């Protein structure tokens, strides 16, 4: 009987430890989600800036080519 009580107490302690670790994991997962969302937003805007620069360069090149082509025929 004493053995059973000791086992129940050990089991209760392990369950308590497991519950505590689960709570910590939940907190860390929220932190990870927040950090990853911020990083995703940061790289999204960095990517959009790069595409904007590329589009600007392409537009300038097209305008230069059009001006060069029309000025050459005049």
C-alpha atoms as a PDB file:
ATOM      1  CA  UNK A   1       0.000   0.000   0.000  1.00  0.00           C
ATOM      2  CA  UNK A   2       2.844   2.390   0.839  1.00  0.00           C
ATOM      3  CA  UNK A   3       4.348   1.480  -2.511  1.00  0.00           C
ATOM      4  CA  UNK A   4       1.134   2.433  -4.309  1.00  0.00           C
ATOM      5  CA  UNK A   5       0.954   5.764  -2.486  1.00  0.00           C
ATOM      6  CA  UNK A   6       4.570   6.498  -3.417  1.00  0.00           C
ATOM      7  CA  UNK A   7       3.836   5.671  -7.063  1.00  0.00           C
ATOM      8  CA  UNK A   8       0.781   7.911  -7.074  1.00  0.00           C
ATOM      9  CA  UNK A   9       2.810  10.767  -5.591  1.00  0.00           C
ATOM     10  CA  UNK A  10       5.580  10.253  -8.167  1.00  0.00           C
ATOM     11  CA  UNK A  11       3.007  10.163 -10.942  1.00  0.00           C
ATOM     12  CA  UNK A  12       1.424  13.356  -9.632  1.00  0.00           C
ATOM     13  CA  UNK A  13       4.837  15.050  -9.585  1.00  0.00           C
ATOM     14  CA  UNK A  14       5.604  13.919 -13.146  1.00  0.00           C
ATOM     15  CA  UNK A  15       2.211  15.154 -14.342  1.00  0.00           C
ATOM     16  CA  UNK A  16       2.807  18.480 -12.634  1.00  0.00           C
ATOM     17  CA  UNK A  17       6.238  18.775 -14.291  1.00  0.00           C
ATOM     18  CA  UNK A  18       4.743  17.845 -17.647  1.00  0.00           C
ATOM     19  CA  UNK A  19       2.004  20.448 -17.251  1.00  0.00           C
ATOM     20  CA  UNK A  20       4.596  23.087 -16.374  1.00  0.00           C
ATOM     21  CA  UNK A  21       6.689  22.189 -19.433  1.00  0.00           C
ATOM     22  CA  UNK A  22       3.584  22.313 -21.638  1.00  0.00           C
ATOM     23  CA  UNK A  23       2.797  25.806 -20.350  1.00  0.00           C
ATOM     24  CA  UNK A  24       6.361  26.922 -21.091  1.00  0.00           C
ATOM     25  CA  UNK A  25       6.133  25.471 -24.602  1.00  0.00           C
ATOM     26  CA  UNK A  26       2.920  27.359 -25.210  1.00  0.00           C
ATOM     27  CA  UNK A  27       4.537  30.637 -24.122  1.00  0.00           C
ATOM     28  CA  UNK A  28       7.565  29.980 -26.326  1.00  0.00           C
ATOM     29  CA  UNK A  29       5.351  29.092 -29.273  1.00  0.00           C
ATOM     30  CA  UNK A  30       3.547  32.437 -28.969  1.00  0.00           C
ATOM     31  CA  UNK A  31       6.896  34.245 -28.867  1.00  0.00           C
ATOM     32  CA  UNK A  32       8.100  32.277 -31.892  1.00  0.00           C
ATOM     33  CA  UNK A  33       4.910  33.078 -33.793  1.00  0.00           C
ATOM     34  CA  UNK A  34       5.269  36.787 -33.065  1.00  0.00           C
ATOM     35  CA  UNK A  35       8.937  36.882 -34.022  1.00  0.00           C
ATOM     36  CA  UNK A  36       8.382  34.879 -37.200  1.00  0.00           C
ATOM     37  CA  UNK A  37       5.494  37.162 -38.212  1.00  0.00           C
ATOM     38  CA  UNK A  38       7.744  40.218 -37.757  1.00  0.00           C
ATOM     39  CA  UNK A  39      10.519  38.620 -39.787  1.00  0.00           C
ATOM     40  CA  UNK A  40       8.069  37.636 -42.517  1.00  0.00           C
ATOM     41  CA  UNK A  41       6.762  41.215 -42.699  1.00  0.00           C
ATOM     42  CA  UNK A  42      10.307  42.600 -42.784  1.00  0.00           C
ATOM     43  CA  UNK A  43      11.369  40.374 -45.676  1.00  0.00           C
ATOM     44  CA  UNK A  44       8.095  40.970 -47.525  1.00  0.00           C
ATOM     45  CA  UNK A  45       8.769  44.707 -47.584  1.00  0.00           C
ATOM     46  CA  UNK A  46      12.424  44.170 -48.475  1.00  0.00           C
ATOM     47  CA  UNK A  47      11.280  42.009 -51.389  1.00  0.00           C
ATOM     48  CA  UNK A  48       8.717  44.622 -52.470  1.00  0.00           C
ATOM     49  CA  UNK A  49      11.403  47.336 -52.442  1.00  0.00           C
ATOM     50  CA  UNK A  50      13.635  45.159 -54.602  1.00  0.00           C
ATOM     51  CA  UNK A  51      10.821  44.519 -57.092  1.00  0.00           C
ATOM     52  CA  UNK A  52      10.098  48.266 -57.129  1.00  0.00           C
ATOM     53  CA  UNK A  53      13.724  49.037 -57.947  1.00  0.00           C
ATOM     54  CA  UNK A  54      13.792  46.388 -60.673  1.00  0.00           C
ATOM     55  CA  UNK A  55      10.528  47.700 -62.154  1.00  0.00           C
ATOM     56  CA  UNK A  56      11.891  51.264 -62.067  1.00  0.00           C
ATOM     57  CA  UNK A  57      15.082  50.244 -63.871  1.00  0.00           C
ATOM     58  CA  UNK A  58      13.094  48.330 -66.504  1.00  0.00           C
ATOM     59  CA  UNK A  59      10.776  51.310 -67.073  1.00  0.00           C
ATOM     60  CA  UNK A  60      13.741  53.677 -67.414  1.00  0.00           C
ATOM     61  CA  UNK A  61      15.389  51.300 -69.895  1.00  0.00           C
ATOM     62  CA  UNK A  62      12.196  51.040 -71.948  1.00  0.00           C
ATOM     63  CA  UNK A  63      11.821  54.839 -71.999  1.00  0.00           C
ATOM     64  CA  UNK A  64      15.467  55.270 -73.036  1.00  0.00           C
ATOM     65  CA  UNK A  65      15.071  52.678 -75.805  1.00  0.00           C
ATOM     66  CA  UNK A  66      11.864  54.316 -77.060  1.00  0.00           C
ATOM     67  CA  UNK A  67      13.465  57.781 -77.043  1.00  0.00           C
ATOM     68  CA  UNK A  68      16.576  56.447 -78.757  1.00  0.00           C
ATOM     69  CA  UNK A  69      14.505  54.619 -81.401  1.00  0.00           C
ATOM     70  CA  UNK A  70      12.241  57.594 -82.170  1.00  0.00           C
ATOM     71  CA  UNK A  71      15.081  60.142 -82.135  1.00  0.00           C
ATOM     72  CA  UNK A  72      17.127  58.038 -84.546  1.00  0.00           C
ATOM     73  CA  UNK A  73      14.416  58.148 -87.229  1.00  0.00           C
ATOM     74  CA  UNK A  74      13.874  61.921 -87.119  1.00  0.00           C
END
